Amino acid sequence: MNTAPHPHSADAPHPLQIAAWRAMGAARRSELAAALRRQARGWKRSALRAQHPAWPEAQIDRELARIYRRGNT
């Protein structure tokens, strides 16, 4: 049985996206990766605020650091 994802499934980048990444310089790919990390961290911060509305910012910061230090999301 073939369990590989379809090449155009939601789990795989489209070939045009792959071509765009290859055409970018390393610096631009690095910038995009850093922006994605910031965005994901912002989403996690928002989720923690929603889950723990009474927590002060310092506690949110500590929890974010703990989560990312351990590799948990």
C-alpha atoms as a PDB file:
ATOM      1  CA  MET A   1       0.000   0.000   0.000  1.00  0.00           C
ATOM      2  CA  ASN A   2       1.351   3.437  -0.932  1.00  0.00           C
ATOM      3  CA  THR A   3       1.257   5.735   2.109  1.00  0.00           C
ATOM      4  CA  ALA A   4       3.193   8.628   0.566  1.00  0.00           C
ATOM      5  CA  PRO A   5       1.194  11.866   0.463  1.00  0.00           C
ATOM      6  CA  HIS A   6      -0.141  12.986  -2.874  1.00  0.00           C
ATOM      7  CA  PRO A   7       2.377  15.465  -4.342  1.00  0.00           C
ATOM      8  CA  HIS A   8      -0.249  18.226  -4.292  1.00  0.00           C
ATOM      9  CA  SER A   9      -1.808  17.422  -0.916  1.00  0.00           C
ATOM     10  CA  ALA A  10      -2.142  19.979   1.868  1.00  0.00           C
ATOM     11  CA  ASP A  11       0.808  18.287   3.608  1.00  0.00           C
ATOM     12  CA  ALA A  12       3.246  18.860   0.758  1.00  0.00           C
ATOM     13  CA  PRO A  13       4.352  22.169  -0.743  1.00  0.00           C
ATOM     14  CA  HIS A  14       3.255  22.847  -4.287  1.00  0.00           C
ATOM     15  CA  PRO A  15       6.020  22.512  -6.879  1.00  0.00           C
ATOM     16  CA  LEU A  16       5.746  26.234  -7.653  1.00  0.00           C
ATOM     17  CA  GLN A  17       6.406  27.010  -3.973  1.00  0.00           C
ATOM     18  CA  ILE A  18       9.451  24.755  -3.993  1.00  0.00           C
ATOM     19  CA  ALA A  19      10.728  26.540  -7.088  1.00  0.00           C
ATOM     20  CA  ALA A  20      10.214  29.919  -5.409  1.00  0.00           C
ATOM     21  CA  TRP A  21      12.176  28.806  -2.330  1.00  0.00           C
ATOM     22  CA  ARG A  22      15.011  27.543  -4.521  1.00  0.00           C
ATOM     23  CA  ALA A  23      15.104  30.848  -6.405  1.00  0.00           C
ATOM     24  CA  MET A  24      15.477  32.838  -3.164  1.00  0.00           C
ATOM     25  CA  GLY A  25      18.819  33.517  -1.642  1.00  0.00           C
ATOM     26  CA  ALA A  26      19.778  31.941   1.650  1.00  0.00           C
ATOM     27  CA  ALA A  27      19.345  35.264   3.468  1.00  0.00           C
ATOM     28  CA  ARG A  28      15.729  35.608   2.292  1.00  0.00           C
ATOM     29  CA  ARG A  29      14.900  32.009   3.276  1.00  0.00           C
ATOM     30  CA  SER A  30      16.406  32.715   6.688  1.00  0.00           C
ATOM     31  CA  GLU A  31      14.308  35.889   7.030  1.00  0.00           C
ATOM     32  CA  LEU A  32      11.160  33.928   6.173  1.00  0.00           C
ATOM     33  CA  ALA A  33      12.006  31.233   8.707  1.00  0.00           C
ATOM     34  CA  ALA A  34      12.576  33.832  11.430  1.00  0.00           C
ATOM     35  CA  ALA A  35       9.269  35.539  10.578  1.00  0.00           C
ATOM     36  CA  LEU A  36       7.453  32.198  10.783  1.00  0.00           C
ATOM     37  CA  ARG A  37       9.011  31.475  14.188  1.00  0.00           C
ATOM     38  CA  ARG A  38       7.907  34.911  15.448  1.00  0.00           C
ATOM     39  CA  GLN A  39       4.400  34.363  14.108  1.00  0.00           C
ATOM     40  CA  ALA A  40       4.115  30.896  15.683  1.00  0.00           C
ATOM     41  CA  ARG A  41       5.388  32.249  19.004  1.00  0.00           C
ATOM     42  CA  GLY A  42       2.788  35.037  18.825  1.00  0.00           C
ATOM     43  CA  TRP A  43       0.035  32.500  18.213  1.00  0.00           C
ATOM     44  CA  LYS A  44       1.232  30.444  21.183  1.00  0.00           C
ATOM     45  CA  ARG A  45       1.350  33.591  23.344  1.00  0.00           C
ATOM     46  CA  SER A  46      -2.255  34.379  22.352  1.00  0.00           C
ATOM     47  CA  ALA A  47      -3.337  30.823  23.143  1.00  0.00           C
ATOM     48  CA  LEU A  48      -1.696  30.984  26.581  1.00  0.00           C
ATOM     49  CA  ARG A  49      -3.433  34.303  27.301  1.00  0.00           C
ATOM     50  CA  ALA A  50      -6.784  32.758  26.358  1.00  0.00           C
ATOM     51  CA  GLN A  51      -6.123  29.676  28.496  1.00  0.00           C
ATOM     52  CA  HIS A  52      -4.804  31.661  31.488  1.00  0.00           C
ATOM     53  CA  PRO A  53      -6.364  35.152  31.444  1.00  0.00           C
ATOM     54  CA  ALA A  54      -5.233  35.882  35.015  1.00  0.00           C
ATOM     55  CA  TRP A  55      -1.548  35.278  34.290  1.00  0.00           C
ATOM     56  CA  PRO A  56       0.662  38.384  34.152  1.00  0.00           C
ATOM     57  CA  GLU A  57       2.909  38.916  31.102  1.00  0.00           C
ATOM     58  CA  ALA A  58       5.967  37.746  33.041  1.00  0.00           C
ATOM     59  CA  GLN A  59       4.329  34.369  33.652  1.00  0.00           C
ATOM     60  CA  ILE A  60       3.305  34.085  29.986  1.00  0.00           C
ATOM     61  CA  ASP A  61       6.939  34.834  29.050  1.00  0.00           C
ATOM     62  CA  ARG A  62       8.223  32.153  31.439  1.00  0.00           C
ATOM     63  CA  GLU A  63       5.772  29.586  30.097  1.00  0.00           C
ATOM     64  CA  LEU A  64       6.701  30.391  26.491  1.00  0.00           C
ATOM     65  CA  ALA A  65      10.381  29.992  27.349  1.00  0.00           C
ATOM     66  CA  ARG A  66       9.680  26.677  29.079  1.00  0.00           C
ATOM     67  CA  ILE A  67       7.623  25.363  26.150  1.00  0.00           C
ATOM     68  CA  TYR A  68      10.169  26.309  23.485  1.00  0.00           C
ATOM     69  CA  ARG A  69      13.148  25.240  25.571  1.00  0.00           C
ATOM     70  CA  ARG A  70      11.637  21.737  25.839  1.00  0.00           C
ATOM     71  CA  GLY A  71      10.478  21.687  22.219  1.00  0.00           C
ATOM     72  CA  ASN A  72       6.810  21.437  23.173  1.00  0.00           C
ATOM     73  CA  THR A  73       4.090  23.307  21.364  1.00  0.00           C
END
